[in-house]
N, C-alpha and C. Protein backbone atom coordinates (compact mmCIF):
# COMPACT_ATOMS: atom_id res chain seq x y z
N UNK A 1 28.73 -1.00 -14.93
CA UNK A 1 27.30 -0.91 -15.31
C UNK A 1 26.45 -0.76 -14.05
N UNK A 2 25.50 0.16 -14.10
CA UNK A 2 24.66 0.42 -12.93
C UNK A 2 23.43 -0.49 -12.95
N UNK A 3 23.08 -1.07 -11.81
CA UNK A 3 21.87 -1.89 -11.74
C UNK A 3 20.63 -1.06 -12.04
N UNK A 4 19.70 -1.62 -12.78
CA UNK A 4 18.49 -0.88 -13.16
C UNK A 4 17.66 -0.50 -11.94
N UNK A 5 17.72 -1.35 -10.90
CA UNK A 5 16.95 -1.08 -9.68
C UNK A 5 17.48 0.17 -9.00
N UNK A 6 18.82 0.29 -8.91
CA UNK A 6 19.44 1.46 -8.29
C UNK A 6 19.17 2.71 -9.11
N UNK A 7 19.23 2.55 -10.42
CA UNK A 7 18.99 3.69 -11.32
C UNK A 7 17.54 4.14 -11.23
N UNK A 8 16.62 3.18 -11.17
CA UNK A 8 15.20 3.50 -11.04
C UNK A 8 14.92 4.21 -9.72
N UNK A 9 15.54 3.73 -8.65
CA UNK A 9 15.37 4.36 -7.34
C UNK A 9 15.90 5.78 -7.35
N UNK A 10 17.03 6.00 -8.01
CA UNK A 10 17.64 7.33 -8.09
C UNK A 10 16.74 8.28 -8.87
N UNK A 11 16.20 7.80 -9.99
CA UNK A 11 15.31 8.62 -10.82
C UNK A 11 14.04 8.97 -10.06
N UNK A 12 13.45 7.97 -9.39
CA UNK A 12 12.22 8.22 -8.63
C UNK A 12 12.47 9.18 -7.48
N UNK A 13 13.64 9.05 -6.86
CA UNK A 13 13.99 9.93 -5.74
C UNK A 13 14.17 11.36 -6.22
N UNK A 14 14.62 11.54 -7.46
CA UNK A 14 14.82 12.88 -8.01
C UNK A 14 13.52 13.46 -8.55
N UNK A 15 12.72 12.61 -9.20
CA UNK A 15 11.50 13.08 -9.87
C UNK A 15 10.34 13.25 -8.88
N UNK A 16 10.31 12.42 -7.84
CA UNK A 16 9.18 12.41 -6.90
C UNK A 16 8.81 13.78 -6.32
N UNK A 17 9.74 14.54 -5.75
CA UNK A 17 9.38 15.85 -5.18
C UNK A 17 8.92 16.85 -6.23
N UNK A 18 9.35 16.69 -7.48
CA UNK A 18 8.98 17.64 -8.52
C UNK A 18 7.57 17.39 -9.05
N UNK A 19 7.20 16.12 -9.08
CA UNK A 19 5.90 15.77 -9.64
C UNK A 19 4.90 15.35 -8.57
N UNK A 20 5.16 15.77 -7.34
CA UNK A 20 4.24 15.44 -6.25
C UNK A 20 2.95 16.24 -6.42
N UNK A 21 1.78 15.59 -6.42
CA UNK A 21 0.50 16.28 -6.60
C UNK A 21 0.22 17.23 -5.45
N UNK A 22 -0.28 18.41 -5.76
CA UNK A 22 -0.58 19.40 -4.74
C UNK A 22 -1.83 18.98 -3.96
N UNK A 23 -1.84 19.16 -2.65
CA UNK A 23 -3.00 18.78 -1.82
C UNK A 23 -4.22 19.63 -2.15
N UNK A 24 -5.35 18.99 -2.25
CA UNK A 24 -6.58 19.72 -2.58
C UNK A 24 -7.30 20.12 -1.30
């Protein structure tokens, strides 16, 4: 079983660059 903290970090690490707000 994977720790939720590790899983959350992995998801955020994957999602972060995709949903990064464009500089205004």
